[in-house]
Amino acid sequence: MDWHYINRTAYEITKGREVQMPLGMEDEFAKAQYVSRDLKEVSEMGAREFEIWVNEFYRAVKPRPDAGVDCITTEGIPIQAKTSHIGYDLVGQFITDAKCHPTTSKPIRKVIVVSQKGFDDRARQRQFAIKTMEDIEVILATPKEMLKLEA
């Protein structure tokens, strides 16, 4: 059994019980967190479920208030997660939202925009313009690319 992909719920259910595990696997079991690696499953998620998946994938936290920032990584990188195809306007708006958000680290040096459906050429043009004019790295990611990184 591959202990790295055990559902976190299984861990919560069994953590207080006497469980027989292979020797040396207790630490791996305690660290296990299930984040779907199935591209088909991720592509069928609704907006809220997809945002939660992105949050778990990056081990990020949901900020309060949201104010246009869906997640913030432990390194302070703001993340936007959308189920729609992303274009020029959304990338630019997210930079503004990240800069104005009360809990993001300032100055903003890097952001991640995740799209379930992908990005158009204008989004990539905006990514380049932001890097050139504001020295902010904009990572445009899709689940397919993200899951390839994890493989």
N, C-alpha and C. Protein backbone atom coordinates (compact mmCIF):
# COMPACT_ATOMS: atom_id res chain seq x y z
N MET A 1 0.84 -1.19 0.00
CA MET A 1 0.00 0.00 0.00
C MET A 1 0.89 1.25 0.00
N ASP A 2 0.53 2.25 -0.78
CA ASP A 2 1.29 3.49 -0.85
C ASP A 2 0.78 4.45 0.22
N TRP A 3 1.50 4.56 1.30
CA TRP A 3 1.06 5.34 2.46
C TRP A 3 1.06 6.84 2.22
N HIS A 4 1.71 7.32 1.16
CA HIS A 4 1.76 8.76 0.91
C HIS A 4 0.42 9.33 0.48
N TYR A 5 -0.48 8.51 -0.01
CA TYR A 5 -1.74 9.01 -0.57
C TYR A 5 -2.96 8.58 0.24
N ILE A 6 -2.75 8.27 1.49
CA ILE A 6 -3.87 7.87 2.34
C ILE A 6 -4.76 9.07 2.60
N ASN A 7 -6.03 8.84 2.51
CA ASN A 7 -6.99 9.90 2.75
C ASN A 7 -6.85 10.44 4.16
N ARG A 8 -6.80 11.75 4.29
CA ARG A 8 -6.64 12.40 5.59
C ARG A 8 -7.76 12.01 6.54
N THR A 9 -8.94 11.76 6.01
CA THR A 9 -10.07 11.35 6.86
C THR A 9 -9.77 10.02 7.54
N ALA A 10 -9.16 9.10 6.80
CA ALA A 10 -8.79 7.82 7.39
C ALA A 10 -7.83 8.03 8.55
N TYR A 11 -6.92 8.96 8.40
CA TYR A 11 -5.99 9.27 9.47
C TYR A 11 -6.73 9.81 10.68
N GLU A 12 -7.65 10.74 10.48
CA GLU A 12 -8.40 11.33 11.59
C GLU A 12 -9.22 10.26 12.32
N ILE A 13 -9.80 9.34 11.59
CA ILE A 13 -10.63 8.29 12.19
C ILE A 13 -9.78 7.35 13.04
N THR A 14 -8.59 7.02 12.56
CA THR A 14 -7.79 5.99 13.21
C THR A 14 -6.71 6.52 14.14
N LYS A 15 -6.46 7.80 14.18
CA LYS A 15 -5.31 8.28 14.94
C LYS A 15 -5.40 8.00 16.44
N GLY A 16 -6.59 7.89 17.00
CA GLY A 16 -6.72 7.61 18.42
C GLY A 16 -6.88 6.14 18.73
N ARG A 17 -6.86 5.31 17.74
CA ARG A 17 -7.07 3.87 17.91
C ARG A 17 -5.76 3.10 17.83
N GLU A 18 -5.81 1.88 18.33
CA GLU A 18 -4.70 0.96 18.14
C GLU A 18 -4.77 0.44 16.72
N VAL A 19 -3.82 0.79 15.89
CA VAL A 19 -3.81 0.38 14.48
C VAL A 19 -2.52 -0.36 14.21
N GLN A 20 -2.62 -1.50 13.58
CA GLN A 20 -1.44 -2.28 13.23
C GLN A 20 -0.90 -1.77 11.90
N MET A 21 0.30 -1.19 11.91
CA MET A 21 0.93 -0.67 10.69
C MET A 21 2.27 -1.34 10.51
N PRO A 22 2.74 -1.38 9.26
CA PRO A 22 4.09 -1.90 9.04
C PRO A 22 5.11 -1.08 9.82
N LEU A 23 6.16 -1.74 10.29
CA LEU A 23 7.20 -1.05 11.04
C LEU A 23 7.74 0.15 10.29
N GLY A 24 7.93 1.26 10.99
CA GLY A 24 8.51 2.45 10.40
C GLY A 24 7.54 3.31 9.59
N MET A 25 6.29 2.91 9.50
CA MET A 25 5.34 3.67 8.67
C MET A 25 4.52 4.66 9.48
N GLU A 26 4.65 4.67 10.80
CA GLU A 26 3.85 5.56 11.63
C GLU A 26 4.06 7.03 11.25
N ASP A 27 5.32 7.44 11.04
CA ASP A 27 5.60 8.83 10.67
C ASP A 27 5.01 9.17 9.31
N GLU A 28 5.13 8.26 8.36
CA GLU A 28 4.56 8.50 7.03
C GLU A 28 3.04 8.62 7.12
N PHE A 29 2.43 7.78 7.93
CA PHE A 29 0.98 7.81 8.09
C PHE A 29 0.54 9.15 8.70
N ALA A 30 1.28 9.63 9.68
CA ALA A 30 0.94 10.89 10.34
C ALA A 30 1.06 12.07 9.39
N LYS A 31 1.98 12.01 8.42
CA LYS A 31 2.17 13.11 7.47
C LYS A 31 1.23 13.03 6.27
N ALA A 32 0.57 11.90 6.10
CA ALA A 32 -0.23 11.66 4.91
C ALA A 32 -1.36 12.67 4.79
N GLN A 33 -1.53 13.17 3.59
CA GLN A 33 -2.66 14.05 3.27
C GLN A 33 -3.09 13.69 1.86
N TYR A 34 -4.37 13.46 1.71
CA TYR A 34 -4.88 13.10 0.40
C TYR A 34 -5.22 14.35 -0.38
N VAL A 35 -4.57 14.55 -1.51
CA VAL A 35 -4.92 15.59 -2.46
C VAL A 35 -5.04 14.87 -3.79
N SER A 36 -6.21 14.93 -4.40
CA SER A 36 -6.46 14.16 -5.62
C SER A 36 -5.37 14.37 -6.65
N ARG A 37 -4.91 13.26 -7.22
CA ARG A 37 -3.93 13.29 -8.29
C ARG A 37 -4.58 12.90 -9.61
N ASP A 38 -5.90 12.78 -9.60
CA ASP A 38 -6.66 12.35 -10.77
C ASP A 38 -7.13 13.57 -11.56
N LEU A 39 -6.56 13.77 -12.74
CA LEU A 39 -6.87 14.94 -13.55
C LEU A 39 -8.35 15.01 -13.92
N LYS A 40 -8.95 13.88 -14.22
CA LYS A 40 -10.37 13.86 -14.57
C LYS A 40 -11.21 14.33 -13.38
N GLU A 41 -10.89 13.84 -12.19
CA GLU A 41 -11.63 14.24 -10.99
C GLU A 41 -11.49 15.75 -10.75
N VAL A 42 -10.29 16.28 -10.88
CA VAL A 42 -10.05 17.70 -10.66
C VAL A 42 -10.76 18.55 -11.71
N SER A 43 -10.79 18.08 -12.96
CA SER A 43 -11.43 18.86 -14.03
C SER A 43 -12.94 18.91 -13.90
N GLU A 44 -13.52 18.02 -13.10
CA GLU A 44 -14.97 18.00 -12.91
C GLU A 44 -15.42 18.70 -11.63
N MET A 45 -14.49 19.22 -10.86
CA MET A 45 -14.83 19.89 -9.59
C MET A 45 -15.57 21.20 -9.85
N GLY A 46 -16.46 21.53 -8.93
CA GLY A 46 -17.11 22.83 -8.95
C GLY A 46 -16.17 23.89 -8.41
N ALA A 47 -16.58 25.15 -8.45
CA ALA A 47 -15.71 26.27 -8.08
C ALA A 47 -15.18 26.17 -6.66
N ARG A 48 -16.05 25.93 -5.70
CA ARG A 48 -15.62 25.88 -4.29
C ARG A 48 -14.69 24.67 -4.04
N GLU A 49 -15.08 23.53 -4.58
CA GLU A 49 -14.28 22.32 -4.42
C GLU A 49 -12.90 22.49 -5.07
N PHE A 50 -12.87 23.14 -6.25
CA PHE A 50 -11.60 23.38 -6.94
C PHE A 50 -10.71 24.31 -6.11
N GLU A 51 -11.29 25.36 -5.55
CA GLU A 51 -10.51 26.28 -4.71
C GLU A 51 -9.91 25.54 -3.51
N ILE A 52 -10.68 24.66 -2.90
CA ILE A 52 -10.18 23.87 -1.77
C ILE A 52 -9.04 22.97 -2.24
N TRP A 53 -9.19 22.35 -3.41
CA TRP A 53 -8.15 21.48 -3.95
C TRP A 53 -6.84 22.27 -4.16
N VAL A 54 -6.95 23.46 -4.77
CA VAL A 54 -5.76 24.29 -5.00
C VAL A 54 -5.11 24.65 -3.67
N ASN A 55 -5.95 25.02 -2.70
CA ASN A 55 -5.46 25.37 -1.37
C ASN A 55 -4.67 24.21 -0.77
N GLU A 56 -5.23 23.00 -0.85
CA GLU A 56 -4.55 21.82 -0.30
C GLU A 56 -3.29 21.47 -1.10
N PHE A 57 -3.36 21.61 -2.42
CA PHE A 57 -2.21 21.29 -3.27
C PHE A 57 -0.99 22.13 -2.88
N TYR A 58 -1.22 23.43 -2.69
CA TYR A 58 -0.11 24.34 -2.34
C TYR A 58 0.12 24.44 -0.83
N ARG A 59 -0.66 23.67 -0.06
CA ARG A 59 -0.59 23.75 1.41
C ARG A 59 -0.73 25.20 1.87
N ALA A 60 -1.71 25.84 1.28
CA ALA A 60 -1.97 27.25 1.56
C ALA A 60 -3.16 27.38 2.50
N VAL A 61 -3.41 28.59 2.96
CA VAL A 61 -4.54 28.86 3.85
C VAL A 61 -5.48 29.87 3.20
N LYS A 62 -6.74 29.76 3.54
CA LYS A 62 -7.77 30.68 3.05
C LYS A 62 -7.69 31.94 3.90
N PRO A 63 -7.43 33.10 3.28
CA PRO A 63 -7.35 34.33 4.08
C PRO A 63 -8.74 34.86 4.44
N ARG A 64 -8.81 35.59 5.50
CA ARG A 64 -10.03 36.29 5.90
C ARG A 64 -9.68 37.75 6.03
N PRO A 65 -10.28 38.64 5.30
CA PRO A 65 -11.30 38.40 4.29
C PRO A 65 -10.68 37.84 3.01
N ASP A 66 -11.55 37.28 2.15
CA ASP A 66 -11.10 36.75 0.85
C ASP A 66 -10.60 37.90 0.00
N ALA A 67 -11.43 38.89 -0.25
CA ALA A 67 -11.06 40.12 -0.98
C ALA A 67 -10.28 39.85 -2.26
N GLY A 68 -10.67 38.80 -3.00
CA GLY A 68 -10.03 38.52 -4.28
C GLY A 68 -8.81 37.63 -4.21
N VAL A 69 -8.41 37.22 -3.01
CA VAL A 69 -7.27 36.32 -2.84
C VAL A 69 -7.82 35.03 -2.25
N ASP A 70 -7.70 33.93 -3.00
CA ASP A 70 -8.31 32.67 -2.58
C ASP A 70 -7.45 31.89 -1.59
N CYS A 71 -6.14 32.00 -1.69
CA CYS A 71 -5.22 31.26 -0.83
C CYS A 71 -3.94 32.08 -0.66
N ILE A 72 -3.22 31.80 0.43
CA ILE A 72 -1.89 32.37 0.64
C ILE A 72 -0.99 31.25 1.13
N THR A 73 0.12 31.02 0.43
CA THR A 73 1.04 29.96 0.82
C THR A 73 1.77 30.34 2.10
N THR A 74 2.45 29.36 2.69
CA THR A 74 3.23 29.63 3.90
C THR A 74 4.38 30.60 3.62
N GLU A 75 4.76 30.72 2.33
CA GLU A 75 5.80 31.68 1.94
C GLU A 75 5.21 33.06 1.67
N GLY A 76 3.89 33.20 1.82
CA GLY A 76 3.24 34.49 1.62
C GLY A 76 2.83 34.78 0.18
N ILE A 77 2.82 33.77 -0.68
CA ILE A 77 2.46 33.95 -2.09
C ILE A 77 0.94 33.87 -2.24
N PRO A 78 0.31 34.94 -2.75
CA PRO A 78 -1.14 34.90 -2.96
C PRO A 78 -1.50 34.05 -4.18
N ILE A 79 -2.65 33.37 -4.07
CA ILE A 79 -3.12 32.48 -5.14
C ILE A 79 -4.55 32.81 -5.48
N GLN A 80 -4.85 32.79 -6.78
CA GLN A 80 -6.22 32.92 -7.29
C GLN A 80 -6.55 31.62 -7.99
N ALA A 81 -7.71 31.04 -7.70
CA ALA A 81 -8.14 29.77 -8.32
C ALA A 81 -9.47 29.99 -9.02
N LYS A 82 -9.52 29.67 -10.31
CA LYS A 82 -10.75 29.84 -11.09
C LYS A 82 -11.04 28.58 -11.89
N THR A 83 -12.32 28.26 -12.03
CA THR A 83 -12.72 27.13 -12.86
C THR A 83 -12.89 27.55 -14.31
N SER A 84 -12.88 28.84 -14.57
CA SER A 84 -13.09 29.36 -15.93
C SER A 84 -11.77 29.54 -16.68
N HIS A 85 -11.90 29.79 -17.98
CA HIS A 85 -10.76 30.14 -18.83
C HIS A 85 -10.35 31.56 -18.42
N ILE A 86 -9.06 31.81 -18.26
CA ILE A 86 -8.59 33.10 -17.74
C ILE A 86 -7.95 33.92 -18.84
N GLY A 87 -8.27 35.21 -18.82
CA GLY A 87 -7.74 36.15 -19.79
C GLY A 87 -7.01 37.32 -19.13
N TYR A 88 -6.75 38.32 -19.93
CA TYR A 88 -5.98 39.52 -19.57
C TYR A 88 -6.52 40.21 -18.32
N ASP A 89 -7.83 40.50 -18.32
CA ASP A 89 -8.42 41.29 -17.24
C ASP A 89 -8.29 40.63 -15.87
N LEU A 90 -8.53 39.33 -15.80
CA LEU A 90 -8.48 38.66 -14.51
C LEU A 90 -7.06 38.65 -13.93
N VAL A 91 -6.07 38.46 -14.77
CA VAL A 91 -4.68 38.47 -14.29
C VAL A 91 -4.35 39.84 -13.72
N GLY A 92 -4.69 40.89 -14.43
CA GLY A 92 -4.44 42.24 -13.94
C GLY A 92 -5.19 42.56 -12.66
N GLN A 93 -6.45 42.14 -12.59
CA GLN A 93 -7.26 42.39 -11.40
C GLN A 93 -6.69 41.67 -10.19
N PHE A 94 -6.19 40.46 -10.40
CA PHE A 94 -5.63 39.72 -9.27
C PHE A 94 -4.39 40.41 -8.70
N ILE A 95 -3.57 40.99 -9.55
CA ILE A 95 -2.40 41.73 -9.06
C ILE A 95 -2.86 42.88 -8.16
N THR A 96 -3.88 43.60 -8.60
CA THR A 96 -4.43 44.70 -7.79
C THR A 96 -4.98 44.16 -6.47
N ASP A 97 -5.76 43.08 -6.53
CA ASP A 97 -6.32 42.50 -5.32
C ASP A 97 -5.22 42.05 -4.35
N ALA A 98 -4.18 41.41 -4.88
CA ALA A 98 -3.09 40.93 -4.03
C ALA A 98 -2.36 42.09 -3.36
N LYS A 99 -2.13 43.17 -4.10
CA LYS A 99 -1.44 44.33 -3.54
C LYS A 99 -2.25 45.00 -2.43
N CYS A 100 -3.57 44.99 -2.58
CA CYS A 100 -4.45 45.67 -1.62
C CYS A 100 -4.91 44.79 -0.47
N HIS A 101 -4.67 43.50 -0.57
CA HIS A 101 -5.17 42.57 0.46
C HIS A 101 -4.46 42.82 1.79
N PRO A 102 -5.21 42.85 2.89
CA PRO A 102 -4.60 43.17 4.19
C PRO A 102 -3.64 42.11 4.73
N THR A 103 -3.69 40.86 4.25
CA THR A 103 -2.83 39.83 4.84
C THR A 103 -1.71 39.33 3.93
N THR A 104 -1.57 39.89 2.72
CA THR A 104 -0.47 39.45 1.86
C THR A 104 0.82 40.17 2.26
N SER A 105 1.94 39.47 2.05
CA SER A 105 3.24 40.07 2.33
C SER A 105 3.52 41.15 1.30
N LYS A 106 4.00 42.28 1.74
CA LYS A 106 4.31 43.39 0.85
C LYS A 106 5.82 43.62 0.84
N PRO A 107 6.41 44.00 -0.26
CA PRO A 107 5.79 44.15 -1.58
C PRO A 107 5.53 42.77 -2.20
N ILE A 108 4.56 42.73 -3.08
CA ILE A 108 4.23 41.49 -3.80
C ILE A 108 5.34 41.23 -4.81
N ARG A 109 5.93 40.04 -4.76
CA ARG A 109 6.99 39.67 -5.70
C ARG A 109 6.60 38.50 -6.57
N LYS A 110 5.58 37.73 -6.12
CA LYS A 110 5.17 36.54 -6.85
C LYS A 110 3.72 36.24 -6.54
N VAL A 111 2.97 35.83 -7.56
CA VAL A 111 1.59 35.38 -7.38
C VAL A 111 1.40 34.12 -8.23
N ILE A 112 0.37 33.35 -7.86
CA ILE A 112 0.02 32.16 -8.63
C ILE A 112 -1.44 32.27 -9.03
N VAL A 113 -1.70 32.09 -10.31
CA VAL A 113 -3.07 32.07 -10.82
C VAL A 113 -3.30 30.67 -11.39
N VAL A 114 -4.32 29.98 -10.85
CA VAL A 114 -4.61 28.62 -11.27
C VAL A 114 -5.95 28.62 -12.00
N SER A 115 -5.96 28.04 -13.19
CA SER A 115 -7.19 27.92 -13.97
C SER A 115 -7.46 26.46 -14.28
N GLN A 116 -8.68 26.04 -14.00
CA GLN A 116 -9.10 24.68 -14.31
C GLN A 116 -9.17 24.48 -15.82
N LYS A 117 -9.50 25.55 -16.58
CA LYS A 117 -9.71 25.45 -18.03
C LYS A 117 -8.55 25.95 -18.88
N GLY A 118 -7.66 26.78 -18.31
CA GLY A 118 -6.52 27.27 -19.07
C GLY A 118 -6.50 28.78 -19.22
N PHE A 119 -5.55 29.26 -20.01
CA PHE A 119 -5.29 30.69 -20.19
C PHE A 119 -5.26 31.02 -21.67
N ASP A 120 -5.72 32.23 -22.00
CA ASP A 120 -5.60 32.65 -23.39
C ASP A 120 -4.29 33.41 -23.59
N ASP A 121 -3.99 33.75 -24.83
CA ASP A 121 -2.74 34.45 -25.14
C ASP A 121 -2.65 35.80 -24.46
N ARG A 122 -3.77 36.47 -24.30
CA ARG A 122 -3.76 37.80 -23.65
C ARG A 122 -3.38 37.68 -22.17
N ALA A 123 -3.76 36.58 -21.51
CA ALA A 123 -3.34 36.35 -20.12
C ALA A 123 -1.82 36.23 -20.06
N ARG A 124 -1.25 35.53 -21.02
CA ARG A 124 0.21 35.37 -21.06
C ARG A 124 0.92 36.69 -21.40
N GLN A 125 0.28 37.53 -22.23
CA GLN A 125 0.82 38.86 -22.50
C GLN A 125 0.81 39.71 -21.24
N ARG A 126 -0.28 39.62 -20.48
CA ARG A 126 -0.38 40.38 -19.23
C ARG A 126 0.65 39.89 -18.22
N GLN A 127 0.87 38.57 -18.18
CA GLN A 127 1.89 37.99 -17.31
C GLN A 127 3.26 38.60 -17.63
N PHE A 128 3.61 38.68 -18.90
CA PHE A 128 4.89 39.25 -19.33
C PHE A 128 4.98 40.74 -18.98
N ALA A 129 3.90 41.48 -19.22
CA ALA A 129 3.89 42.92 -18.93
C ALA A 129 4.06 43.20 -17.44
N ILE A 130 3.41 42.41 -16.61
CA ILE A 130 3.53 42.59 -15.16
C ILE A 130 4.96 42.31 -14.70
N LYS A 131 5.56 41.27 -15.24
CA LYS A 131 6.94 40.96 -14.87
C LYS A 131 7.88 42.08 -15.32
N THR A 132 7.66 42.59 -16.53
CA THR A 132 8.52 43.63 -17.08
C THR A 132 8.34 44.97 -16.36
N MET A 133 7.10 45.37 -16.14
CA MET A 133 6.84 46.70 -15.57
C MET A 133 6.86 46.75 -14.05
N GLU A 134 6.46 45.65 -13.39
CA GLU A 134 6.32 45.69 -11.93
C GLU A 134 7.24 44.71 -11.20
N ASP A 135 8.00 43.93 -11.94
CA ASP A 135 8.89 42.92 -11.37
C ASP A 135 8.15 41.97 -10.42
N ILE A 136 6.95 41.56 -10.84
CA ILE A 136 6.17 40.58 -10.10
C ILE A 136 6.07 39.34 -10.97
N GLU A 137 6.52 38.21 -10.44
CA GLU A 137 6.43 36.94 -11.17
C GLU A 137 5.00 36.42 -11.07
N VAL A 138 4.39 36.19 -12.21
CA VAL A 138 3.04 35.65 -12.27
C VAL A 138 3.12 34.23 -12.81
N ILE A 139 2.82 33.26 -11.96
CA ILE A 139 2.81 31.86 -12.37
C ILE A 139 1.39 31.54 -12.83
N LEU A 140 1.25 31.11 -14.08
CA LEU A 140 -0.04 30.68 -14.62
C LEU A 140 -0.02 29.16 -14.63
N ALA A 141 -0.89 28.53 -13.85
CA ALA A 141 -0.86 27.08 -13.69
C ALA A 141 -2.21 26.45 -13.98
N THR A 142 -2.16 25.26 -14.53
CA THR A 142 -3.36 24.45 -14.73
C THR A 142 -3.17 23.15 -13.94
N PRO A 143 -4.26 22.47 -13.60
CA PRO A 143 -4.12 21.20 -12.88
C PRO A 143 -3.22 20.21 -13.62
N LYS A 144 -3.31 20.17 -14.94
CA LYS A 144 -2.48 19.25 -15.71
C LYS A 144 -0.99 19.52 -15.46
N GLU A 145 -0.60 20.79 -15.47
CA GLU A 145 0.81 21.16 -15.19
C GLU A 145 1.17 20.88 -13.74
N MET A 146 0.26 21.19 -12.84
CA MET A 146 0.51 20.99 -11.41
C MET A 146 0.72 19.52 -11.09
N LEU A 147 -0.13 18.67 -11.63
CA LEU A 147 -0.04 17.25 -11.35
C LEU A 147 1.20 16.61 -11.98
N LYS A 148 1.63 17.18 -13.09
CA LYS A 148 2.88 16.70 -13.72
C LYS A 148 4.06 17.00 -12.81
N LEU A 149 4.04 18.15 -12.10
CA LEU A 149 5.10 18.50 -11.18
C LEU A 149 5.17 17.54 -10.03
N GLU A 150 4.02 17.01 -9.59
CA GLU A 150 3.95 16.13 -8.44
C GLU A 150 4.34 14.69 -8.75
N ALA A 151 4.29 14.33 -10.03
CA ALA A 151 4.49 12.92 -10.41
C ALA A 151 5.88 12.44 -10.08
